[in-house]
Amino acid sequence: MSWLNFFDNYTQEIKHSFGRGINANISPDEEVLFNKSYEAFENNNIIDAYEYFFKSLENFTNNISNENISTTREDDKLNFIIYQGLAKVTGFVTEKNLYAEVILCKKSSAKVALKRYILERNYQLTYTNYCSDDSNLKLKLYLDNITINPHKIFFPLREIALNGDYDKEFAKSEFSDIVLDDIKHLKTVDNQELKIKYNYLHTLVDKVYKKIKTFPSNDNSGMQAFSFLYLLFKIDYLLVPRHKIYQKMSKKIINYFNDENGTIEFKNEELKEYIDSLISMSFEQFSENFYNAKYTFSQTEKTSHEDINIFITESLKKIRWYKNNRYTQVIPMIYKYIALYILYNYGLHPVTKGLLHTLVEIQNRDFFEQLDYQTLYNEKTEVFSKRAIISRIENIIEPYQDKFKLLEPFGNELNYTSLNEFSNSFYQQIMNLNFEEI
């Protein structure tokens, strides 16, 4: 069994992080390595089996290893490190067991509220639990190797990595004076890139607020909802904030969709208040919420292509309703909202994700141009770089055609007459993707 579904993959060179996924390619030998791991476990070659398994988790950028996983072997023991954002998972494997841990912080610096939080987290976790030693608060994992196999390794390691990362982010957000341990692996974001993102945030909010003013004065709450959520999804995917911005923004989005009792007007106002707080940040405050890190596991489980199609179909129906009722101001925004919503909420096949990223790149030419990416669409002249787009789509799909025989590039089938028509035809082609294995 391959774990392709849990990893994100781009066939085009991407020089920056976008969204919450892994901007890297999995090992081309991932499935082979996984199968070798399975065979080694069956033959009771425990250390070899783990070594194959860890190699299957390695990911690459431009065919160069990201070193998101490292292993060192000592006779009958295998030491390993797994990187997942803020979390550095360190551990070892012997013939009898696996042990892994993520250090959260020094025990002496943890306030009562943080200790209470991690105790509550123990009831939510399946394979791991929080504990303390003489110095640190840590999340730990212990596995017995008596009946182990790659299936039984993957999910516990994924749990400790994802939750270690999340809880360190949460602690940093909620307890500003806390000093996190084991974060020397993080890299700072270039100051010029931060300035581009800071200025783009203000430009983006200003454009959307001006657009909202053109909405009809009566019954515009639905259009405002699309506008504010579009803003937040776009900030998350393009700017990729961490720490307080990410924590608070994700809570606002969750509350918006989960609050069944609040009126849409009330929920819109809450989103607006939060967006206003973002643009009131100084550049220094804004910059504290960014870093670059290595990632091994995807945050979201794989979503079926059928579920993605249902969402696109329902969204296009809403666009038709707004068009028929002559509320055309909001239509371009909804076309952009669809891709950003899917990228935020769903675990995508590498093909689907690569295609949707390409669409986002075309729809947001101004931002990508500032980051020195190839221009695929000229907003002023409304001219597409058709040959480049066709080539990009082919590069994304062709590596998977051996496995999915009915998967075909569709660049020539797109409607290049306007950005709206292009987006509409692009979503139609996404829905027509055939992932059937023959």
Protein backbone atom coordinates (compact mmCIF):
# COMPACT_ATOMS: atom_id res chain seq x y z
CA MET A 1 0.00 0.00 0.00
CA SER A 2 1.31 3.45 -0.90
CA TRP A 3 0.94 6.51 1.29
CA LEU A 4 0.72 8.87 -1.70
CA ASN A 5 -2.65 10.11 -0.46
CA PHE A 6 -1.05 11.68 2.58
CA PHE A 7 1.56 13.75 0.80
CA ASP A 8 1.40 16.83 -1.36
CA ASN A 9 3.30 16.92 -4.62
CA TYR A 10 4.11 19.62 -7.19
CA THR A 11 5.53 18.91 -10.61
CA GLN A 12 6.39 22.56 -11.26
CA GLU A 13 9.11 24.40 -9.36
CA ILE A 14 7.66 26.35 -6.46
CA LYS A 15 10.10 28.58 -4.64
CA HIS A 16 7.91 29.48 -1.67
CA SER A 17 5.52 27.78 0.72
CA PHE A 18 1.82 28.04 -0.07
CA GLY A 19 -1.05 26.82 2.05
CA ARG A 20 -0.78 24.23 4.81
CA GLY A 21 0.42 21.37 2.63
CA ILE A 22 3.86 20.04 1.82
CA ASN A 23 5.41 21.95 -1.06
CA ALA A 24 7.61 19.05 -2.12
CA ASN A 25 7.69 15.79 -4.04
CA ILE A 26 7.56 12.45 -2.29
CA SER A 27 10.31 9.98 -3.03
CA PRO A 28 9.94 8.46 -6.53
CA ASP A 29 10.69 5.12 -4.83
CA GLU A 30 8.12 5.65 -2.07
CA GLU A 31 5.98 2.66 -2.95
CA VAL A 32 9.00 0.40 -3.51
CA LEU A 33 10.48 1.43 -0.16
CA PHE A 34 7.17 0.89 1.60
CA ASN A 35 6.88 -2.62 0.16
CA LYS A 36 10.47 -3.41 1.16
CA SER A 37 9.61 -2.27 4.68
CA TYR A 38 6.61 -4.58 4.74
CA GLU A 39 8.70 -7.56 3.58
CA ALA A 40 11.42 -6.84 6.11
CA PHE A 41 8.88 -6.78 8.94
CA GLU A 42 7.45 -10.10 7.75
CA ASN A 43 10.99 -11.55 7.84
CA ASN A 44 11.49 -10.08 11.33
CA ASN A 45 14.27 -7.74 10.14
CA ILE A 46 12.97 -4.95 12.37
CA ILE A 47 15.75 -2.38 12.03
CA ASP A 48 15.92 -2.80 8.23
CA ALA A 49 12.15 -2.49 8.04
CA TYR A 50 12.10 0.80 9.94
CA GLU A 51 14.97 2.15 7.85
CA TYR A 52 13.08 1.44 4.62
CA PHE A 53 9.96 2.99 6.10
CA PHE A 54 11.67 6.21 7.13
CA LYS A 55 13.24 6.52 3.68
CA SER A 56 9.76 6.24 2.15
CA LEU A 57 8.74 9.38 4.10
CA GLU A 58 11.55 11.52 2.67
CA ASN A 59 10.46 14.35 0.38
CA PHE A 60 12.30 16.36 -2.27
CA THR A 61 12.45 19.79 -3.90
CA ASN A 62 13.87 19.90 -7.43
CA ASN A 63 15.13 16.33 -6.93
CA ILE A 64 17.14 17.38 -3.85
CA SER A 65 16.23 15.87 -0.49
CA ASN A 66 14.63 18.25 2.00
CA GLU A 67 16.19 16.18 4.78
CA ASN A 68 12.83 16.17 6.54
CA ILE A 69 13.88 12.81 7.98
CA SER A 70 17.31 11.66 9.09
CA THR A 71 18.46 8.30 10.45
CA THR A 72 21.69 6.96 11.94
CA ARG A 73 22.26 3.28 12.58
CA GLU A 74 24.20 1.84 15.50
CA ASP A 75 24.37 -1.96 15.28
CA ASP A 76 21.05 -3.02 16.82
CA LYS A 77 19.61 0.50 17.15
CA LEU A 78 18.28 3.07 14.67
CA ASN A 79 18.12 6.73 15.73
CA PHE A 80 15.82 9.05 13.80
CA ILE A 81 14.63 12.65 13.53
CA ILE A 82 11.40 13.73 11.83
CA TYR A 83 10.68 17.41 11.15
CA GLN A 84 7.13 18.76 11.14
CA GLY A 85 6.97 22.55 11.36
CA LEU A 86 7.79 23.57 14.92
CA ALA A 87 8.03 19.93 16.00
CA LYS A 88 11.28 18.04 15.95
CA VAL A 89 10.44 14.38 16.59
CA THR A 90 13.47 12.54 17.95
CA GLY A 91 13.55 8.86 18.75
CA PHE A 92 15.09 5.45 18.34
CA VAL A 93 14.15 1.95 17.26
CA THR A 94 15.38 -1.35 18.66
CA GLU A 95 14.35 -4.90 17.85
CA LYS A 96 11.77 -4.70 20.63
CA ASN A 97 10.30 -1.18 20.49
CA LEU A 98 10.13 2.36 19.12
CA TYR A 99 10.34 5.46 21.28
CA ALA A 100 9.79 9.03 20.05
CA GLU A 101 9.26 12.41 21.68
CA VAL A 102 8.65 16.09 20.94
CA ILE A 103 9.87 18.58 23.54
CA LEU A 104 7.30 21.32 24.13
CA CYS A 105 9.08 23.57 26.62
CA LYS A 106 11.00 23.69 29.89
CA LYS A 107 8.89 22.43 32.78
CA SER A 108 9.89 25.43 34.89
CA SER A 109 8.47 27.90 32.32
CA ALA A 110 5.07 26.22 31.95
CA LYS A 111 2.20 28.00 33.67
CA VAL A 112 -0.72 26.21 35.27
CA ALA A 113 -2.98 26.97 32.30
CA LEU A 114 -0.57 25.29 29.88
CA LYS A 115 -0.21 22.24 32.15
CA ARG A 116 -4.00 21.98 32.31
CA TYR A 117 -4.18 22.22 28.53
CA ILE A 118 -1.76 19.35 27.94
CA LEU A 119 -3.53 17.17 30.50
CA GLU A 120 -6.76 17.69 28.56
CA ARG A 121 -4.93 16.89 25.33
CA ASN A 122 -4.06 13.44 26.70
CA TYR A 123 -7.74 12.53 26.52
CA GLN A 124 -7.87 13.53 22.85
CA LEU A 125 -4.80 11.64 21.61
CA THR A 126 -4.85 8.02 20.45
CA TYR A 127 -1.25 6.80 20.39
CA THR A 128 0.68 9.47 22.25
CA ASN A 129 0.58 11.24 25.60
CA TYR A 130 2.16 14.16 27.41
CA CYS A 131 4.58 13.64 30.28
CA SER A 132 7.48 15.40 31.98
CA ASP A 133 11.00 14.54 33.00
CA ASP A 134 13.37 16.49 35.24
CA SER A 135 13.60 19.33 32.71
CA ASN A 136 10.92 19.30 29.99
CA LEU A 137 7.29 18.88 29.13
CA LYS A 138 7.13 16.50 26.18
CA LEU A 139 4.80 14.52 23.95
CA LYS A 140 5.92 10.91 23.73
CA LEU A 141 5.18 7.75 21.75
CA TYR A 142 6.01 4.14 22.59
CA LEU A 143 5.37 1.21 20.24
CA ASP A 144 5.94 -2.48 20.84
CA ASN A 145 7.43 -4.22 17.79
CA ILE A 146 5.93 -7.66 18.43
CA THR A 147 3.16 -7.29 15.82
CA ILE A 148 4.36 -4.17 14.01
CA ASN A 149 4.11 -3.35 10.28
CA PRO A 150 4.22 -0.16 8.19
CA HIS A 151 0.48 0.41 8.61
CA LYS A 152 0.84 0.40 12.38
CA ILE A 153 3.82 2.77 12.31
CA PHE A 154 2.48 5.47 10.05
CA PHE A 155 -0.46 6.80 12.03
CA PRO A 156 1.24 6.95 15.46
CA LEU A 157 4.21 8.83 13.97
CA ARG A 158 1.84 11.10 12.10
CA GLU A 159 -0.02 11.81 15.33
CA ILE A 160 3.05 12.77 17.34
CA ALA A 161 4.39 14.96 14.52
CA LEU A 162 1.16 16.81 13.72
CA ASN A 163 0.11 17.29 17.34
CA GLY A 164 3.59 18.25 18.45
CA ASP A 165 3.59 20.96 15.79
CA TYR A 166 0.06 22.11 16.59
CA ASP A 167 0.57 22.29 20.34
CA LYS A 168 3.81 24.22 20.05
CA GLU A 169 2.01 26.67 17.75
CA PHE A 170 -0.87 26.89 20.23
CA ALA A 171 1.45 27.44 23.20
CA LYS A 172 3.31 30.20 21.36
CA SER A 173 0.02 31.85 20.44
CA GLU A 174 -1.70 31.64 23.82
CA PHE A 175 1.27 32.09 26.16
CA SER A 176 3.34 34.89 24.70
CA ASP A 177 6.07 34.71 27.36
CA ILE A 178 6.75 31.00 26.89
CA VAL A 179 10.09 29.92 25.41
CA LEU A 180 9.72 26.92 23.11
CA ASP A 181 12.50 24.35 23.02
CA ASP A 182 13.95 22.42 20.09
CA ILE A 183 13.19 24.98 17.35
CA LYS A 184 16.69 25.69 16.03
CA HIS A 185 15.70 23.94 12.80
CA LEU A 186 13.35 26.82 11.86
CA LYS A 187 14.49 29.30 9.24
CA THR A 188 13.59 32.98 9.06
CA VAL A 189 11.67 34.39 6.12
CA ASP A 190 13.52 36.90 3.95
CA ASN A 191 12.70 40.47 4.97
CA GLN A 192 11.87 41.48 1.39
CA GLU A 193 9.37 38.64 1.13
CA LEU A 194 7.79 39.74 4.42
CA LYS A 195 7.42 43.29 3.09
CA ILE A 196 5.73 41.95 -0.07
CA LYS A 197 3.31 39.93 2.06
CA TYR A 198 2.62 42.80 4.47
CA ASN A 199 1.90 45.27 1.65
CA TYR A 200 -0.17 42.69 -0.22
CA LEU A 201 -2.31 42.09 2.87
CA HIS A 202 -3.23 45.78 2.97
CA THR A 203 -3.79 45.99 -0.79
CA LEU A 204 -5.97 42.88 -0.73
CA VAL A 205 -8.15 44.04 2.16
CA ASP A 206 -8.54 47.47 0.61
CA LYS A 207 -9.69 45.97 -2.72
CA VAL A 208 -12.23 43.69 -1.09
CA TYR A 209 -13.62 46.44 1.15
CA LYS A 210 -14.03 48.69 -1.89
CA LYS A 211 -15.80 45.86 -3.73
CA ILE A 212 -18.19 45.34 -0.81
CA LYS A 213 -19.23 48.98 -1.05
CA THR A 214 -20.56 48.28 -4.55
CA PHE A 215 -22.91 45.55 -3.28
CA PRO A 216 -26.62 46.36 -3.11
CA SER A 217 -27.61 47.89 0.22
CA ASN A 218 -30.34 45.31 0.85
CA ASP A 219 -29.78 41.57 1.27
CA ASN A 220 -26.03 41.52 0.70
CA SER A 221 -25.06 39.36 3.68
CA GLY A 222 -24.35 36.31 1.47
CA MET A 223 -22.05 38.33 -0.77
CA GLN A 224 -20.26 39.76 2.26
CA ALA A 225 -19.78 36.24 3.65
CA PHE A 226 -18.11 35.11 0.43
CA SER A 227 -15.94 38.24 0.52
CA PHE A 228 -14.67 37.87 4.09
CA LEU A 229 -14.10 34.11 3.86
CA TYR A 230 -12.37 34.57 0.51
CA LEU A 231 -10.07 37.09 2.18
CA LEU A 232 -9.13 34.72 5.00
CA PHE A 233 -8.61 31.71 2.73
CA LYS A 234 -6.46 33.84 0.45
CA ILE A 235 -4.36 35.20 3.32
CA ASP A 236 -3.85 31.67 4.60
CA TYR A 237 -2.87 30.18 1.23
CA LEU A 238 -0.75 32.97 -0.23
CA LEU A 239 0.84 34.55 2.84
CA VAL A 240 0.99 31.41 5.04
CA PRO A 241 1.07 33.07 8.48
CA ARG A 242 1.96 31.08 11.59
CA HIS A 243 1.62 31.53 15.35
CA LYS A 244 -1.08 33.99 16.52
CA ILE A 245 -2.40 34.89 13.07
CA TYR A 246 -2.84 31.25 12.07
CA GLN A 247 -4.36 30.20 15.39
CA LYS A 248 -6.88 33.02 15.54
CA MET A 249 -7.74 32.92 11.85
CA SER A 250 -8.39 29.19 11.86
CA LYS A 251 -10.62 29.58 14.92
CA LYS A 252 -12.63 32.33 13.19
CA ILE A 253 -13.14 30.13 10.14
CA ILE A 254 -14.14 27.09 12.21
CA ASN A 255 -16.56 29.12 14.30
CA TYR A 256 -18.11 30.64 11.19
CA PHE A 257 -19.01 27.28 9.70
CA ASN A 258 -19.88 25.54 12.98
CA ASP A 259 -22.02 28.25 14.57
CA GLU A 260 -25.54 27.21 13.60
CA ASN A 261 -27.28 29.69 15.91
CA GLY A 262 -25.56 32.93 14.95
CA THR A 263 -27.02 35.04 12.16
CA ILE A 264 -24.97 35.49 9.00
CA GLU A 265 -24.84 39.25 9.72
CA PHE A 266 -23.37 38.64 13.18
CA LYS A 267 -20.82 36.16 11.85
CA ASN A 268 -19.84 38.54 9.05
CA GLU A 269 -19.22 41.30 11.59
CA GLU A 270 -16.96 39.00 13.61
CA LEU A 271 -14.91 38.21 10.52
CA LYS A 272 -14.65 41.90 9.64
CA GLU A 273 -13.46 42.77 13.13
CA TYR A 274 -10.74 40.15 12.86
CA ILE A 275 -9.66 41.34 9.39
CA ASP A 276 -9.49 44.90 10.76
CA SER A 277 -7.21 43.65 13.53
CA LEU A 278 -4.88 42.13 10.92
CA ILE A 279 -4.40 45.35 8.99
CA SER A 280 -3.86 47.30 12.23
CA MET A 281 -0.70 45.25 12.91
CA SER A 282 2.64 46.95 12.54
CA PHE A 283 5.17 45.37 10.20
CA GLU A 284 7.14 44.16 13.24
CA GLN A 285 4.08 42.47 14.78
CA PHE A 286 3.17 40.94 11.44
CA SER A 287 6.70 39.62 10.84
CA GLU A 288 6.72 37.70 14.14
CA ASN A 289 4.17 35.28 12.65
CA PHE A 290 6.32 33.81 9.88
CA TYR A 291 9.02 31.17 9.55
CA ASN A 292 10.08 28.44 7.12
CA ALA A 293 10.23 24.81 8.20
CA LYS A 294 10.35 21.25 6.92
CA TYR A 295 7.21 19.09 6.85
CA THR A 296 6.73 15.34 6.60
CA PHE A 297 3.03 14.65 7.11
CA SER A 298 0.00 16.30 5.53
CA GLN A 299 -2.54 17.82 7.92
CA THR A 300 -5.63 16.61 6.07
CA GLU A 301 -6.87 13.16 5.18
CA LYS A 302 -7.45 12.44 1.51
CA THR A 303 -10.80 13.68 0.22
CA SER A 304 -12.57 11.67 -2.46
CA HIS A 305 -12.75 13.23 -5.90
CA GLU A 306 -16.54 12.81 -5.73
CA ASP A 307 -16.73 15.08 -2.65
CA ILE A 308 -14.64 17.73 -4.39
CA ASN A 309 -16.94 17.54 -7.42
CA ILE A 310 -20.00 18.01 -5.22
CA PHE A 311 -18.53 21.17 -3.70
CA ILE A 312 -17.58 22.60 -7.11
CA THR A 313 -21.03 21.79 -8.52
CA GLU A 314 -22.83 23.50 -5.63
CA SER A 315 -20.52 26.52 -5.85
CA LEU A 316 -21.10 26.94 -9.59
CA LYS A 317 -24.85 26.81 -8.94
CA LYS A 318 -24.45 29.76 -6.57
CA ILE A 319 -22.54 31.66 -9.24
CA ARG A 320 -25.36 31.04 -11.70
CA TRP A 321 -27.88 32.30 -9.14
CA TYR A 322 -25.93 35.53 -8.62
CA LYS A 323 -25.56 35.91 -12.38
CA ASN A 324 -29.28 35.37 -13.04
CA ASN A 325 -30.14 37.90 -10.34
CA ARG A 326 -27.63 40.38 -11.77
CA TYR A 327 -25.34 40.46 -8.72
CA THR A 328 -22.29 40.26 -10.96
CA GLN A 329 -19.94 42.14 -8.61
CA VAL A 330 -19.32 39.10 -6.44
CA ILE A 331 -18.90 36.50 -9.20
CA PRO A 332 -15.13 36.91 -9.84
CA MET A 333 -14.55 36.59 -6.10
CA ILE A 334 -16.52 33.34 -5.85
CA TYR A 335 -14.55 31.84 -8.74
CA LYS A 336 -11.39 32.50 -6.70
CA TYR A 337 -13.03 31.40 -3.45
CA ILE A 338 -13.77 27.89 -4.80
CA ALA A 339 -10.13 26.91 -5.33
CA LEU A 340 -8.97 28.49 -2.05
CA TYR A 341 -11.73 26.74 -0.08
CA ILE A 342 -10.77 23.35 -1.52
CA LEU A 343 -7.06 23.90 -0.86
CA TYR A 344 -7.82 24.92 2.73
CA ASN A 345 -10.28 22.19 3.67
CA TYR A 346 -9.54 19.07 1.61
CA GLY A 347 -6.76 16.53 1.37
CA LEU A 348 -6.02 16.47 -2.35
CA HIS A 349 -4.36 14.12 -4.79
CA PRO A 350 -1.09 15.68 -6.03
CA VAL A 351 -2.64 16.19 -9.49
CA THR A 352 -5.68 18.04 -8.14
CA LYS A 353 -3.58 20.16 -5.83
CA GLY A 354 -1.06 21.05 -8.53
CA LEU A 355 -3.86 22.04 -10.91
CA LEU A 356 -5.67 24.16 -8.32
CA HIS A 357 -2.43 25.89 -7.38
CA THR A 358 -1.95 26.74 -11.05
CA LEU A 359 -5.45 28.24 -11.16
CA VAL A 360 -4.73 30.28 -8.01
CA GLU A 361 -1.51 31.48 -9.61
CA ILE A 362 -3.43 32.64 -12.70
CA GLN A 363 -6.20 34.27 -10.65
CA ASN A 364 -3.70 36.15 -8.48
CA ARG A 365 -1.16 37.29 -11.03
CA ASP A 366 -0.20 40.45 -9.06
CA PHE A 367 1.05 38.55 -6.01
CA PHE A 368 2.96 35.86 -7.89
CA GLU A 369 4.54 38.44 -10.15
CA GLN A 370 5.97 40.21 -7.09
CA LEU A 371 7.55 36.90 -6.05
CA ASP A 372 9.15 36.57 -9.53
CA TYR A 373 6.99 33.75 -10.87
CA GLN A 374 6.22 33.34 -14.56
CA THR A 375 3.26 35.46 -15.67
CA LEU A 376 0.43 33.21 -16.84
CA TYR A 377 -2.22 35.93 -17.19
CA ASN A 378 -2.06 39.67 -17.91
CA GLU A 379 -4.87 41.28 -15.94
CA LYS A 380 -4.70 44.59 -17.83
CA THR A 381 -4.87 43.13 -21.34
CA GLU A 382 -6.85 40.02 -20.23
CA VAL A 383 -4.43 37.86 -22.24
CA PHE A 384 -3.42 34.37 -21.08
CA SER A 385 -0.03 32.75 -21.63
CA LYS A 386 -1.83 29.85 -23.29
CA ARG A 387 1.18 27.77 -24.27
CA ALA A 388 2.70 28.07 -20.79
CA ILE A 389 -0.61 27.07 -19.17
CA ILE A 390 -1.01 24.06 -21.47
CA SER A 391 2.56 23.00 -20.71
CA ARG A 392 2.04 23.45 -16.95
CA ILE A 393 -1.08 21.26 -16.98
CA GLU A 394 0.72 18.57 -19.00
CA ASN A 395 3.65 18.59 -16.56
CA ILE A 396 1.28 18.09 -13.64
CA ILE A 397 -0.76 15.26 -15.17
CA GLU A 398 1.69 13.26 -17.30
CA PRO A 399 3.70 11.70 -14.41
CA TYR A 400 0.51 9.98 -13.22
CA GLN A 401 -0.80 8.70 -16.55
CA ASP A 402 0.90 5.32 -16.19
CA LYS A 403 -1.18 4.70 -13.09
CA PHE A 404 -4.36 6.47 -14.23
CA LYS A 405 -4.78 5.64 -17.93
CA LEU A 406 -7.85 7.85 -18.38
CA LEU A 407 -6.22 10.95 -16.89
CA GLU A 408 -5.69 13.43 -19.73
CA PRO A 409 -4.23 16.97 -19.93
CA PHE A 410 -6.93 19.52 -20.77
CA GLY A 411 -5.13 22.79 -21.50
CA ASN A 412 -6.50 22.96 -25.04
CA GLU A 413 -10.07 22.51 -23.79
CA LEU A 414 -10.09 25.63 -21.60
CA ASN A 415 -11.95 28.83 -22.43
CA TYR A 416 -9.43 31.67 -22.72
CA THR A 417 -11.89 34.49 -23.52
CA SER A 418 -11.96 35.97 -19.98
CA LEU A 419 -10.79 35.10 -16.47
CA ASN A 420 -14.32 34.17 -15.39
CA GLU A 421 -14.83 31.89 -18.38
CA PHE A 422 -11.39 30.42 -17.89
CA SER A 423 -12.09 29.67 -14.22
CA ASN A 424 -15.45 28.12 -15.03
CA SER A 425 -13.96 25.85 -17.71
CA PHE A 426 -11.06 24.95 -15.41
CA TYR A 427 -13.43 23.75 -12.68
CA GLN A 428 -15.39 21.76 -15.24
CA GLN A 429 -12.19 20.01 -16.28
CA ILE A 430 -11.24 19.35 -12.65
CA MET A 431 -14.56 17.57 -12.22
CA ASN A 432 -13.86 15.49 -15.34
CA LEU A 433 -10.55 14.14 -14.04
CA ASN A 434 -10.64 10.35 -14.02
CA PHE A 435 -8.58 8.67 -11.29
CA GLU A 436 -9.78 5.17 -12.09
CA GLU A 437 -6.97 2.64 -12.10
CA ILE A 438 -7.30 0.26 -15.03
